[in-house]
Amino acid sequence: MKKNKILLLLLFLLFEIYTYANTVSVRILTTKIINTFIFTPLESDYTVYADGELLMECDPSGIFQMNIEGDFIRLKTFEKDLGKFSTIKIIAKKAESSFKIKSVIPSGKIRTYDNDLEIKLSPDKRQFILVNKVDLENYIAGVVESEGGKGSNLEYYKIQSVLCRTYLLAHINRHMLEGFEVCDDVHCQAYVSKASDGTIKKAVLKTKEIVVVDNNLNLITAAFHSNCGGETCNSQDVWAMTTTYLKSIQDTYCLNQSQAHWERIIPLEDWQEYIQLKYKQSINSKKKANIITSFNQESGREIYFYDKDLKIPLKNIRADFKLKSTYFSIEQIRDSIIFKGRGYGHGVGLCQEGAMQMAKLKHPYENILHHYYKDVNLVDVSALNYFRQE
């Protein structure tokens, strides 16, 4: 009986992954410990519910302040004190509605969001938990603008829309036990505000409900990075996972872009000390000293910095010295070590600057995705349920 219950739970979770909901609940301002904030409608009218009861209607001229008072939320307007409550929901009357929110304690910038807002307190009653109940495609547009910025073309934004949607549906239950589905930080996906770029909104609409799956109809790990430096990485070379689709490829499209090349200079003494202390390697001999100051990746990416006695994962060096990527060569010039690097990011999956260049050269977004992800399929979410039933 216990095994059957576990199996039913797993099937339910799988069904949830592939079912395309109309809305998503996103915790916003996740990284701030907010004690007081202001809410203002921007478009359309809103209805305010407090502890499950209708409290009032408000229009775009309304301004609400909420602060923590003991174990409750104190709700005020400029005109009156509306009382103390445990939970507050501010629900839009129209689909096109949006609002702005500003943290007062601590002070923060104004942010704008689509659709609804739910307000409650954390279990210790020390901060607000603010949850944006937002139309899923509005959320995707906000993520694309937050992750990819403004100013790119339509075809590139189609790529980002599909990848962000795929990532969301693959991680939709990440915060389920906390009372929302995803957060607005990079732990899930960056979601700074609603989208304002019309090209991004158009791209999201044109790719609505499209996701990327592997040959087993599983949503892919939609990894991307800024610039690969001319060659992407296998997933197993960076993370403890092997996939059929995150494979190393040659990529010439990003080579002349802004993040394609970089340099970092550190004192030779610091580099020698790092090798000696962290990896217990003696560098007393001239041969050993020469080995650690001469490393070349001009012919392609390596996984390790090594000789027969030394094998250091390049990702460790990148993390320890805060380098832009693991795709670097090393040379000594007098009393310094120069890291001559290529690319920016982990190097797995889509190279954003390469994809942008391909989009500028009029490559269709489907072709660009297939360039960076091998043996994948672009499908409508509703089609997944059909194939699973066959």
Protein backbone atom coordinates (compact mmCIF):
# COMPACT_ATOMS: atom_id res chain seq x y z
CA MET A 1 0.00 0.00 0.00
CA LYS A 2 2.82 2.41 0.93
CA LYS A 3 4.58 1.75 -2.41
CA ASN A 4 1.34 2.45 -4.29
CA LYS A 5 0.95 5.80 -2.52
CA ILE A 6 4.52 6.77 -3.39
CA LEU A 7 3.93 5.78 -7.03
CA LEU A 8 0.73 7.84 -7.18
CA LEU A 9 2.58 10.84 -5.72
CA LEU A 10 5.34 10.53 -8.33
CA LEU A 11 2.79 10.29 -11.14
CA PHE A 12 1.02 13.36 -9.75
CA LEU A 13 4.26 15.33 -9.71
CA LEU A 14 5.07 14.27 -13.26
CA PHE A 15 1.62 15.32 -14.38
CA GLU A 16 2.12 18.69 -12.70
CA ILE A 17 5.38 19.22 -14.57
CA TYR A 18 3.75 18.70 -17.95
CA THR A 19 0.45 20.42 -17.22
CA TYR A 20 0.42 24.00 -18.44
CA ALA A 21 -1.15 26.17 -15.76
CA ASN A 22 -2.45 29.63 -16.58
CA THR A 23 -0.74 31.27 -13.62
CA VAL A 24 2.40 30.89 -11.54
CA SER A 25 2.98 32.02 -7.95
CA VAL A 26 6.31 33.83 -7.58
CA ARG A 27 7.79 35.11 -4.36
CA ILE A 28 9.09 38.59 -5.17
CA LEU A 29 11.72 40.70 -3.40
CA THR A 30 13.03 37.42 -2.06
CA THR A 31 16.44 38.68 -0.97
CA LYS A 32 15.09 41.63 1.05
CA ILE A 33 13.90 41.38 4.66
CA ILE A 34 10.96 43.75 4.24
CA ASN A 35 9.21 45.30 7.24
CA THR A 36 7.23 48.08 5.52
CA PHE A 37 6.18 48.59 1.89
CA ILE A 38 3.78 50.58 -0.30
CA PHE A 39 1.42 49.10 -2.90
CA THR A 40 -0.18 51.14 -5.71
CA PRO A 41 -2.37 49.90 -8.62
CA LEU A 42 -1.16 51.06 -12.03
CA GLU A 43 -3.81 49.79 -14.41
CA SER A 44 -7.42 48.79 -13.76
CA ASP A 45 -9.21 48.34 -10.43
CA TYR A 46 -8.29 45.89 -7.68
CA THR A 47 -10.25 44.15 -4.94
CA VAL A 48 -8.70 43.83 -1.48
CA TYR A 49 -9.40 40.77 0.66
CA ALA A 50 -8.21 40.55 4.27
CA ASP A 51 -8.25 37.21 6.11
CA GLY A 52 -10.52 35.84 3.38
CA GLU A 53 -13.13 38.59 3.63
CA LEU A 54 -13.85 41.35 1.11
CA LEU A 55 -12.40 44.55 2.57
CA MET A 56 -12.67 47.17 -0.18
CA GLU A 57 -12.28 48.11 -3.84
CA CYS A 58 -9.45 50.31 -5.05
CA ASP A 59 -8.55 52.09 -8.29
CA PRO A 60 -5.22 53.41 -9.69
CA SER A 61 -5.43 56.42 -7.36
CA GLY A 62 -5.25 54.20 -4.28
CA ILE A 63 -2.06 53.86 -2.22
CA PHE A 64 -1.67 51.30 0.58
CA GLN A 65 1.01 51.02 3.22
CA MET A 66 1.64 47.75 5.03
CA ASN A 67 3.93 47.19 7.97
CA ILE A 68 4.50 44.44 10.51
CA GLU A 69 2.92 45.04 13.91
CA GLY A 70 3.44 42.17 16.31
CA ASP A 71 2.10 39.03 14.65
CA PHE A 72 -0.07 40.93 12.18
CA ILE A 73 -0.05 43.10 9.08
CA ARG A 74 -1.13 46.70 9.65
CA LEU A 75 -2.90 48.02 6.53
CA LYS A 76 -3.32 51.76 5.96
CA THR A 77 -4.26 54.27 3.29
CA PHE A 78 -3.48 57.99 3.45
CA GLU A 79 -7.00 58.55 4.76
CA LYS A 80 -7.50 55.78 7.31
CA ASP A 81 -6.22 52.81 9.26
CA LEU A 82 -7.93 49.70 7.87
CA GLY A 83 -6.86 47.35 10.66
CA LYS A 84 -4.60 44.40 11.41
CA PHE A 85 -4.76 41.12 9.50
CA SER A 86 -2.93 37.81 9.06
CA THR A 87 -3.13 37.66 5.27
CA ILE A 88 -4.08 40.11 2.53
CA LYS A 89 -4.86 39.40 -1.12
CA ILE A 90 -5.09 42.16 -3.71
CA ILE A 91 -6.80 40.75 -6.79
CA ALA A 92 -6.99 42.44 -10.19
CA LYS A 93 -10.37 42.82 -11.87
CA LYS A 94 -8.92 42.62 -15.39
CA ALA A 95 -6.25 40.44 -16.97
CA GLU A 96 -4.25 43.47 -18.13
CA SER A 97 -3.87 44.89 -14.62
CA SER A 98 -0.53 45.77 -13.03
CA PHE A 99 0.76 47.36 -9.85
CA LYS A 100 3.87 48.92 -8.40
CA ILE A 101 5.46 48.12 -5.09
CA LYS A 102 8.19 49.88 -3.11
CA SER A 103 10.01 48.64 -0.03
CA VAL A 104 10.13 51.40 2.61
CA ILE A 105 11.96 49.55 5.40
CA PRO A 106 14.52 48.81 4.10
CA SER A 107 14.46 51.42 1.36
CA GLY A 108 14.20 49.95 -2.14
CA LYS A 109 13.48 50.86 -5.73
CA ILE A 110 10.00 50.87 -7.23
CA ARG A 111 9.17 47.65 -9.04
CA THR A 112 6.21 46.88 -11.27
CA TYR A 113 4.38 43.58 -11.71
CA ASP A 114 1.40 42.17 -13.56
CA ASN A 115 -1.78 40.71 -12.05
CA ASP A 116 -2.23 39.88 -8.32
CA LEU A 117 -0.38 40.12 -5.02
CA GLU A 118 -0.71 37.97 -1.90
CA ILE A 119 0.79 39.21 1.37
CA LYS A 120 1.55 37.19 4.48
CA LEU A 121 4.20 37.02 7.20
CA SER A 122 7.09 34.62 7.51
CA PRO A 123 6.72 31.91 10.17
CA ASP A 124 8.85 33.97 12.61
CA LYS A 125 6.71 37.09 11.85
CA ARG A 126 9.84 39.14 11.11
CA GLN A 127 9.36 39.80 7.40
CA PHE A 128 6.80 39.89 4.63
CA ILE A 129 6.33 37.03 2.18
CA LEU A 130 5.11 38.73 -1.02
CA VAL A 131 3.75 36.42 -3.71
CA ASN A 132 2.94 37.65 -7.21
CA LYS A 133 0.16 35.48 -8.69
CA VAL A 134 0.89 36.19 -12.32
CA ASP A 135 -0.19 34.94 -15.73
CA LEU A 136 2.46 32.43 -16.75
CA GLU A 137 3.30 34.12 -20.04
CA ASN A 138 3.53 37.53 -18.32
CA TYR A 139 6.01 35.92 -15.93
CA ILE A 140 8.03 34.48 -18.81
CA ALA A 141 8.22 37.93 -20.42
CA GLY A 142 9.46 39.41 -17.13
CA VAL A 143 12.11 36.70 -16.79
CA VAL A 144 13.32 37.15 -20.38
CA GLU A 145 13.75 40.88 -19.83
CA SER A 146 15.47 40.32 -16.46
CA GLU A 147 17.79 37.58 -17.75
CA GLY A 148 18.41 38.78 -21.32
CA GLY A 149 18.03 42.55 -21.09
CA LYS A 150 16.55 44.87 -23.67
CA GLY A 151 17.66 45.76 -27.18
CA SER A 152 17.98 42.35 -28.87
CA ASN A 153 15.90 41.18 -31.81
CA LEU A 154 12.72 39.13 -31.96
CA GLU A 155 14.31 35.83 -32.94
CA TYR A 156 16.70 35.91 -30.00
CA TYR A 157 13.90 36.68 -27.56
CA LYS A 158 11.97 33.70 -28.91
CA ILE A 159 14.91 31.51 -27.86
CA GLN A 160 15.00 32.97 -24.36
CA SER A 161 11.23 32.66 -24.05
CA VAL A 162 11.28 28.95 -24.86
CA LEU A 163 14.21 28.26 -22.54
CA CYS A 164 12.77 30.25 -19.62
CA ARG A 165 9.42 28.50 -20.04
CA THR A 166 11.13 25.11 -20.16
CA TYR A 167 13.12 25.89 -17.03
CA LEU A 168 10.04 27.08 -15.17
CA LEU A 169 7.97 23.98 -15.91
CA ALA A 170 10.87 21.71 -14.98
CA HIS A 171 11.17 23.43 -11.57
CA ILE A 172 7.59 24.46 -10.90
CA ASN A 173 7.42 22.64 -7.54
CA ARG A 174 10.74 23.90 -6.20
CA HIS A 175 9.18 26.01 -3.40
CA MET A 176 5.87 24.17 -3.06
CA LEU A 177 6.33 23.51 0.67
CA GLU A 178 6.89 27.24 1.28
CA GLY A 179 3.53 28.25 -0.17
CA PHE A 180 4.64 29.45 -3.60
CA GLU A 181 6.10 27.84 -6.71
CA VAL A 182 9.26 29.77 -7.62
CA CYS A 183 11.27 32.71 -6.29
CA ASP A 184 12.46 35.78 -8.18
CA ASP A 185 16.16 35.22 -7.49
CA VAL A 186 18.72 33.33 -9.59
CA HIS A 187 17.97 30.26 -7.44
CA CYS A 188 15.00 29.89 -9.80
CA GLN A 189 15.13 32.60 -12.48
CA ALA A 190 15.74 36.33 -12.18
CA TYR A 191 12.40 38.17 -12.24
CA VAL A 192 12.95 41.84 -11.49
CA SER A 193 9.66 43.22 -12.77
CA LYS A 194 7.04 42.99 -15.52
CA ALA A 195 8.34 43.26 -19.07
CA SER A 196 8.27 46.66 -20.72
CA ASP A 197 9.93 45.76 -24.03
CA GLY A 198 7.34 45.22 -26.78
CA THR A 199 9.65 42.91 -28.75
CA ILE A 200 9.97 40.61 -25.74
CA LYS A 201 6.21 40.49 -25.27
CA LYS A 202 5.77 39.64 -28.95
CA ALA A 203 8.39 36.86 -28.75
CA VAL A 204 6.65 35.30 -25.73
CA LEU A 205 3.30 35.39 -27.52
CA LYS A 206 4.69 33.84 -30.71
CA THR A 207 6.25 30.95 -28.77
CA LYS A 208 3.38 30.49 -26.32
CA GLU A 209 3.37 27.03 -24.67
CA ILE A 210 6.47 25.85 -26.59
CA VAL A 211 9.14 24.01 -24.58
CA VAL A 212 12.25 21.94 -25.31
CA VAL A 213 12.33 18.20 -24.54
CA ASP A 214 14.84 15.42 -25.12
CA ASN A 215 14.13 12.27 -27.11
CA ASN A 216 12.42 10.73 -24.08
CA LEU A 217 10.02 13.70 -23.88
CA ASN A 218 11.63 14.98 -20.68
CA LEU A 219 11.99 18.73 -20.26
CA ILE A 220 15.63 19.59 -20.76
CA THR A 221 17.96 21.37 -18.36
CA ALA A 222 17.77 24.72 -20.17
CA ALA A 223 21.30 25.88 -19.36
CA PHE A 224 22.73 29.02 -20.88
CA HIS A 225 25.66 31.39 -20.30
CA SER A 226 26.98 34.69 -21.61
CA ASN A 227 29.77 33.63 -23.99
CA CYS A 228 31.46 30.27 -24.57
CA GLY A 229 34.67 31.66 -26.08
CA GLY A 230 34.31 29.54 -29.20
CA GLU A 231 33.53 26.13 -27.69
CA THR A 232 30.79 25.05 -25.28
CA CYS A 233 31.23 22.41 -22.55
CA ASN A 234 29.79 18.97 -21.96
CA SER A 235 27.49 19.01 -18.95
CA GLN A 236 29.46 16.25 -17.23
CA ASP A 237 32.64 18.34 -17.45
CA VAL A 238 31.08 21.08 -15.33
CA TRP A 239 28.38 19.40 -13.25
CA ALA A 240 27.79 15.89 -11.96
CA MET A 241 25.31 15.10 -14.72
CA THR A 242 25.54 13.55 -18.16
CA THR A 243 22.92 14.41 -20.78
CA THR A 244 22.32 13.51 -24.40
CA TYR A 245 21.84 17.15 -25.40
CA LEU A 246 24.31 19.35 -23.46
CA LYS A 247 27.30 18.46 -25.60
CA SER A 248 30.42 20.42 -26.47
CA ILE A 249 30.20 22.18 -29.85
CA GLN A 250 32.39 24.57 -31.80
CA ASP A 251 30.83 28.02 -31.94
CA THR A 252 32.34 30.80 -34.06
CA TYR A 253 29.41 33.17 -33.71
CA CYS A 254 30.46 34.56 -30.33
CA LEU A 255 34.15 35.12 -31.05
CA ASN A 256 33.97 38.84 -31.81
CA GLN A 257 31.45 39.71 -29.11
CA SER A 258 32.05 41.75 -25.96
CA GLN A 259 32.63 38.84 -23.57
CA ALA A 260 34.75 36.74 -25.94
CA HIS A 261 38.16 37.62 -24.47
CA TRP A 262 39.47 38.72 -21.09
CA GLU A 263 42.67 38.93 -19.05
CA ARG A 264 43.45 38.72 -15.36
CA ILE A 265 46.88 39.45 -13.83
CA ILE A 266 47.91 38.17 -10.42
CA PRO A 267 51.28 38.18 -8.63
CA LEU A 268 53.40 35.11 -9.34
CA GLU A 269 53.89 34.69 -5.60
CA ASP A 270 50.12 34.38 -5.04
CA TRP A 271 49.82 31.71 -7.73
CA GLN A 272 52.72 29.69 -6.36
CA GLU A 273 51.34 29.94 -2.83
CA TYR A 274 47.95 28.75 -4.08
CA ILE A 275 49.45 25.63 -5.68
CA GLN A 276 51.64 24.89 -2.66
CA LEU A 277 49.11 25.43 0.11
CA LYS A 278 45.85 24.25 -1.41
CA TYR A 279 47.20 21.35 -3.47
CA LYS A 280 50.29 20.46 -1.41
CA GLN A 281 52.61 20.71 -4.38
CA SER A 282 56.27 21.60 -4.04
CA ILE A 283 57.56 23.99 -6.72
CA ASN A 284 61.19 24.01 -5.66
CA SER A 285 62.48 22.53 -8.92
CA LYS A 286 62.82 24.68 -11.99
CA LYS A 287 60.86 22.13 -14.02
CA LYS A 288 57.90 22.22 -11.64
CA ALA A 289 58.00 26.00 -11.50
CA ASN A 290 57.85 26.12 -15.30
CA ILE A 291 54.93 23.69 -15.46
CA ILE A 292 52.64 25.75 -13.23
CA THR A 293 53.37 28.95 -15.16
CA SER A 294 52.70 27.56 -18.63
CA PHE A 295 49.25 26.25 -19.56
CA ASN A 296 47.58 26.41 -22.94
CA GLN A 297 44.01 25.85 -24.14
CA GLU A 298 44.44 27.33 -27.59
CA SER A 299 43.55 24.03 -29.29
CA GLY A 300 40.39 23.45 -27.26
CA ARG A 301 38.87 23.25 -23.80
CA GLU A 302 40.42 21.17 -21.05
CA ILE A 303 38.83 19.98 -17.82
CA TYR A 304 41.95 19.98 -15.64
CA PHE A 305 45.09 21.99 -15.07
CA TYR A 306 47.63 19.20 -14.73
CA ASP A 307 50.83 17.31 -15.29
CA LYS A 308 51.56 13.78 -14.09
CA ASP A 309 51.66 14.89 -10.43
CA LEU A 310 49.06 17.64 -10.51
CA LYS A 311 45.38 17.49 -11.51
CA ILE A 312 43.30 20.52 -10.54
CA PRO A 313 39.76 20.97 -11.88
CA LEU A 314 39.71 24.22 -13.84
CA LYS A 315 36.34 25.06 -12.29
CA ASN A 316 38.10 25.20 -8.90
CA ILE A 317 40.66 27.69 -10.18
CA ARG A 318 37.90 29.76 -11.75
CA ALA A 319 35.96 29.88 -8.46
CA ASP A 320 38.98 30.57 -6.27
CA PHE A 321 40.28 33.45 -8.41
CA LYS A 322 36.86 34.69 -9.53
CA LEU A 323 37.67 34.29 -13.22
CA LYS A 324 35.09 34.77 -15.97
CA SER A 325 35.41 31.20 -17.25
CA THR A 326 37.51 28.04 -17.16
CA TYR A 327 38.62 28.61 -20.77
CA PHE A 328 41.99 30.27 -20.16
CA SER A 329 45.70 29.91 -20.81
CA ILE A 330 48.45 30.91 -18.39
CA GLU A 331 51.79 32.56 -18.98
CA GLN A 332 54.38 34.23 -16.78
CA ILE A 333 55.62 37.74 -17.44
CA ARG A 334 58.31 38.73 -14.95
CA ASP A 335 56.76 38.56 -11.47
CA SER A 336 53.19 38.14 -12.65
CA ILE A 337 50.89 35.45 -13.97
CA ILE A 338 48.52 36.38 -16.77
CA PHE A 339 45.31 34.43 -17.30
CA LYS A 340 44.33 34.97 -20.93
CA GLY A 341 40.73 33.89 -21.04
CA ARG A 342 37.91 33.29 -23.44
CA GLY A 343 34.19 33.51 -22.76
CA TYR A 344 32.09 34.27 -19.70
CA GLY A 345 30.13 31.71 -17.70
CA HIS A 346 30.05 27.96 -17.18
CA GLY A 347 30.00 27.24 -20.92
CA VAL A 348 27.15 24.70 -20.91
CA GLY A 349 24.20 24.95 -23.32
CA LEU A 350 23.22 28.13 -25.11
CA CYS A 351 25.88 30.78 -25.65
CA GLN A 352 23.84 33.98 -25.39
CA GLU A 353 26.16 36.23 -27.39
CA GLY A 354 26.56 33.54 -30.04
CA ALA A 355 22.80 33.10 -30.23
CA MET A 356 22.31 36.87 -30.51
CA GLN A 357 24.72 36.96 -33.45
CA MET A 358 22.99 34.04 -35.15
CA ALA A 359 19.66 35.82 -34.71
CA LYS A 360 21.12 39.00 -36.28
CA LEU A 361 22.23 36.86 -39.23
CA LYS A 362 18.59 35.80 -39.73
CA HIS A 363 18.86 32.23 -38.44
CA PRO A 364 15.41 31.01 -37.27
CA TYR A 365 15.19 30.54 -33.52
CA GLU A 366 14.47 26.81 -33.95
CA ASN A 367 17.77 26.35 -35.83
CA ILE A 368 19.67 28.28 -33.18
CA LEU A 369 18.29 26.09 -30.42
CA HIS A 370 19.23 22.94 -32.34
CA HIS A 371 22.74 24.36 -32.83
CA TYR A 372 23.34 24.54 -29.09
CA TYR A 373 21.23 21.61 -27.84
CA LYS A 374 21.65 18.26 -29.58
CA ASP A 375 18.90 15.68 -30.11
CA VAL A 376 16.09 17.83 -28.72
CA ASN A 377 12.55 18.62 -29.85
CA LEU A 378 10.46 21.77 -29.64
CA VAL A 379 6.92 20.84 -28.67
CA ASP A 380 3.72 22.40 -27.45
CA VAL A 381 3.15 21.56 -23.77
CA SER A 382 -0.32 20.24 -24.50
CA ALA A 383 1.21 17.74 -26.95
CA LEU A 384 3.25 16.16 -24.17
CA ASN A 385 0.16 14.92 -22.39
CA TYR A 386 -1.14 13.48 -25.68
CA PHE A 387 2.05 11.50 -26.25
CA ARG A 388 2.13 10.33 -22.65
CA GLN A 389 -1.36 8.89 -23.06
CA GLU A 390 -0.45 6.95 -26.20
